[in-house]
Amino acid sequence: MAVANVKNVKSELKTVSAVKAKAEQGEDARLENQPEVGKALAVLLSDVFSLYIKTKNYHWHMHGSHFRDYHLLLDEQAAQLYAITDLIAERARKIGQPSVRSLEQMVQLKRLASSEATDLTAEQMLTELHEDNQSLAAYMRTTHTLTDDANDVSTTSLLEEWIDQAEERAWFLGQTVGI
């Protein structure tokens, strides 16, 4: 038994030494695939900004017997979305990549549908936003996989928080309309 334990300890020390040597040389600490991460962040920024505009649109055009509650809910959700737009753009810049430069570029990159409908009920608006927030969370999970593979710990960590926020928004909207 003692011989086996000594071998295990020696093996662990070799592993620790190897990891320490790699760390001292900066190995396994570099960001990888920054151009691809930058592109994914530009698309994500476009999606978030698009959802922000749609949420504000429905906030402004809300009507019905629960107007005040829905109006305030959408205002809170829009503020949350707007708050992360700057963080997404600045994260791209921190990794040496450009961010979106125009609304036209955002329109080309976004994956979420806009809405100019004038005849939606309050329930239809909330249902659309519920689905969009679910889609946004899914897009964020895909981006999370990319950033994790690229050893971009900071972006990956931010995405984890944003995914939780998108899921919470979808949950509130779904519960409000009984989904």
Protein backbone atom coordinates (compact mmCIF):
# COMPACT_ATOMS: atom_id res chain seq x y z
CA MET A 1 0.00 0.00 0.00
CA ALA A 2 2.72 2.47 0.94
CA VAL A 3 4.48 1.96 -2.41
CA ALA A 4 1.25 2.65 -4.32
CA ASN A 5 0.66 5.84 -2.33
CA VAL A 6 4.21 7.04 -3.00
CA LYS A 7 3.71 6.45 -6.75
CA ASN A 8 0.42 8.35 -6.67
CA VAL A 9 2.01 11.27 -4.84
CA LYS A 10 4.94 11.33 -7.30
CA SER A 11 2.50 11.22 -10.22
CA GLU A 12 0.46 14.08 -8.76
CA LEU A 13 3.61 16.14 -8.19
CA LYS A 14 4.65 15.63 -11.81
CA THR A 15 1.20 16.79 -12.93
CA VAL A 16 1.31 19.81 -10.63
CA SER A 17 4.82 20.63 -11.85
CA ALA A 18 3.73 20.34 -15.48
CA VAL A 19 0.73 22.60 -14.91
CA LYS A 20 2.89 25.10 -13.03
CA ALA A 21 5.47 25.13 -15.82
CA LYS A 22 2.78 25.70 -18.46
CA ALA A 23 1.28 28.52 -16.40
CA GLU A 24 4.67 30.19 -15.98
CA GLN A 25 5.13 30.11 -19.75
CA GLY A 26 1.62 31.43 -20.33
CA GLU A 27 0.42 28.21 -21.91
CA ASP A 28 -3.29 27.42 -21.47
CA ALA A 29 -3.77 31.05 -20.48
CA ARG A 30 -4.08 32.61 -23.92
CA LEU A 31 -7.32 33.64 -25.53
CA GLU A 32 -7.94 31.78 -28.72
CA ASN A 33 -10.09 32.45 -31.75
CA GLN A 34 -10.66 36.12 -30.89
CA PRO A 35 -11.96 37.05 -34.37
CA GLU A 36 -14.67 34.40 -34.15
CA VAL A 37 -15.59 35.44 -30.60
CA GLY A 38 -15.72 39.06 -31.75
CA LYS A 39 -18.11 38.16 -34.58
CA ALA A 40 -20.32 36.19 -32.19
CA LEU A 41 -20.42 39.16 -29.82
CA ALA A 42 -21.43 41.49 -32.67
CA VAL A 43 -24.31 39.17 -33.56
CA LEU A 44 -25.30 38.85 -29.91
CA LEU A 45 -25.19 42.63 -29.46
CA SER A 46 -27.47 42.98 -32.48
CA ASP A 47 -29.91 40.45 -31.02
CA VAL A 48 -29.95 42.11 -27.60
CA PHE A 49 -30.44 45.57 -29.07
CA SER A 50 -33.21 44.27 -31.33
CA LEU A 51 -34.98 42.70 -28.35
CA TYR A 52 -34.52 45.93 -26.38
CA ILE A 53 -36.25 47.93 -29.15
CA LYS A 54 -39.07 45.38 -29.44
CA THR A 55 -39.57 45.36 -25.66
CA LYS A 56 -39.73 49.18 -25.59
CA ASN A 57 -42.11 49.12 -28.58
CA TYR A 58 -44.50 46.83 -26.70
CA HIS A 59 -43.99 48.85 -23.51
CA TRP A 60 -45.07 52.00 -25.36
CA HIS A 61 -48.02 50.33 -27.09
CA MET A 62 -49.30 48.21 -24.22
CA HIS A 63 -53.03 48.39 -23.53
CA GLY A 64 -55.75 46.55 -21.68
CA SER A 65 -56.91 45.88 -18.16
CA HIS A 66 -53.40 45.06 -16.85
CA PHE A 67 -51.77 48.01 -18.60
CA ARG A 68 -49.86 49.36 -15.61
CA ASP A 69 -48.41 46.01 -14.54
CA TYR A 70 -47.38 45.03 -18.08
CA HIS A 71 -46.08 48.51 -18.87
CA LEU A 72 -43.83 48.47 -15.79
CA LEU A 73 -42.69 44.86 -16.36
CA LEU A 74 -41.59 45.65 -19.90
CA ASP A 75 -39.85 48.83 -18.79
CA GLU A 76 -37.83 46.83 -16.24
CA GLN A 77 -36.96 44.19 -18.83
CA ALA A 78 -35.96 46.78 -21.42
CA ALA A 79 -33.66 48.48 -18.91
CA GLN A 80 -32.00 45.14 -18.17
CA LEU A 81 -31.44 44.50 -21.88
CA TYR A 82 -30.10 47.99 -22.49
CA ALA A 83 -27.65 47.64 -19.60
CA ILE A 84 -25.90 44.68 -21.19
CA THR A 85 -25.51 46.24 -24.64
CA ASP A 86 -22.52 48.33 -23.56
CA LEU A 87 -20.96 45.36 -21.77
CA ILE A 88 -21.17 43.22 -24.91
CA ALA A 89 -19.63 45.91 -27.13
CA GLU A 90 -16.86 46.67 -24.64
CA ARG A 91 -16.08 42.99 -24.20
CA ALA A 92 -15.44 42.71 -27.93
CA ARG A 93 -13.10 45.71 -27.73
CA LYS A 94 -11.28 44.23 -24.72
CA ILE A 95 -10.35 41.16 -26.76
CA GLY A 96 -9.12 43.36 -29.61
CA GLN A 97 -12.12 43.03 -31.88
CA PRO A 98 -14.40 45.67 -33.41
CA SER A 99 -17.96 46.08 -32.29
CA VAL A 100 -21.04 46.96 -34.29
CA ARG A 101 -20.79 50.39 -35.91
CA SER A 102 -24.31 51.11 -37.17
CA LEU A 103 -27.98 50.24 -36.94
CA GLU A 104 -27.79 48.95 -40.50
CA GLN A 105 -25.11 46.49 -39.46
CA MET A 106 -27.24 45.38 -36.51
CA VAL A 107 -30.22 44.79 -38.78
CA GLN A 108 -28.06 42.58 -41.00
CA LEU A 109 -26.68 40.59 -38.07
CA LYS A 110 -29.71 40.13 -35.81
CA ARG A 111 -31.56 36.83 -35.66
CA LEU A 112 -34.65 37.97 -33.75
CA ALA A 113 -37.62 39.30 -35.70
CA SER A 114 -38.74 42.90 -35.38
CA SER A 115 -42.39 43.83 -35.07
CA GLU A 116 -44.32 46.70 -36.56
CA ALA A 117 -47.70 45.07 -35.91
CA THR A 118 -50.37 47.50 -34.78
CA ASP A 119 -53.12 45.07 -33.82
CA LEU A 120 -51.51 42.77 -31.22
CA THR A 121 -53.23 42.07 -27.93
CA ALA A 122 -51.29 42.45 -24.71
CA GLU A 123 -51.10 38.66 -24.44
CA GLN A 124 -49.70 38.36 -27.98
CA MET A 125 -47.02 40.94 -27.21
CA LEU A 126 -45.99 39.20 -24.02
CA THR A 127 -45.99 35.79 -25.72
CA GLU A 128 -43.72 37.08 -28.51
CA LEU A 129 -41.32 38.54 -25.98
CA HIS A 130 -41.37 35.26 -24.02
CA GLU A 131 -40.35 33.36 -27.16
CA ASP A 132 -37.70 35.93 -28.08
CA ASN A 133 -36.12 35.76 -24.63
CA GLN A 134 -36.02 31.97 -24.87
CA SER A 135 -34.34 32.25 -28.27
CA LEU A 136 -31.88 34.81 -26.92
CA ALA A 137 -30.93 32.47 -24.06
CA ALA A 138 -30.34 29.68 -26.61
CA TYR A 139 -28.16 31.98 -28.75
CA MET A 140 -26.23 32.95 -25.64
CA ARG A 141 -25.62 29.30 -24.76
CA THR A 142 -24.15 28.74 -28.24
CA THR A 143 -21.91 31.77 -27.78
CA HIS A 144 -20.97 30.45 -24.32
CA THR A 145 -19.70 27.23 -25.89
CA LEU A 146 -17.59 29.23 -28.35
CA THR A 147 -16.09 31.49 -25.66
CA ASP A 148 -15.42 28.57 -23.34
CA ASP A 149 -13.59 26.72 -26.13
CA ALA A 150 -11.60 29.91 -26.81
CA ASN A 151 -10.47 30.08 -23.16
CA ASP A 152 -12.25 33.44 -22.83
CA VAL A 153 -13.15 33.11 -19.18
CA SER A 154 -14.42 36.67 -18.76
CA THR A 155 -16.87 36.56 -21.67
CA THR A 156 -17.98 33.07 -20.65
CA SER A 157 -18.67 34.31 -17.12
CA LEU A 158 -20.64 37.32 -18.38
CA LEU A 159 -22.69 35.06 -20.64
CA GLU A 160 -23.65 32.88 -17.69
CA GLU A 161 -25.19 35.90 -15.97
CA TRP A 162 -26.92 37.08 -19.15
CA ILE A 163 -28.35 33.63 -19.81
CA ASP A 164 -29.84 33.63 -16.33
CA GLN A 165 -31.34 37.08 -16.94
CA ALA A 166 -32.87 35.99 -20.27
CA GLU A 167 -34.33 32.88 -18.66
CA GLU A 168 -35.79 34.99 -15.85
CA ARG A 169 -37.37 37.43 -18.30
CA ALA A 170 -38.86 34.51 -20.25
CA TRP A 171 -40.12 32.94 -17.02
CA PHE A 172 -41.84 36.15 -15.88
CA LEU A 173 -43.43 36.66 -19.29
CA GLY A 174 -44.50 33.04 -19.53
CA GLN A 175 -46.05 33.05 -16.08
CA THR A 176 -47.82 36.32 -16.86
CA VAL A 177 -49.56 34.85 -19.92
CA GLY A 178 -49.93 31.32 -18.52
CA ILE A 179 -47.39 29.50 -20.69
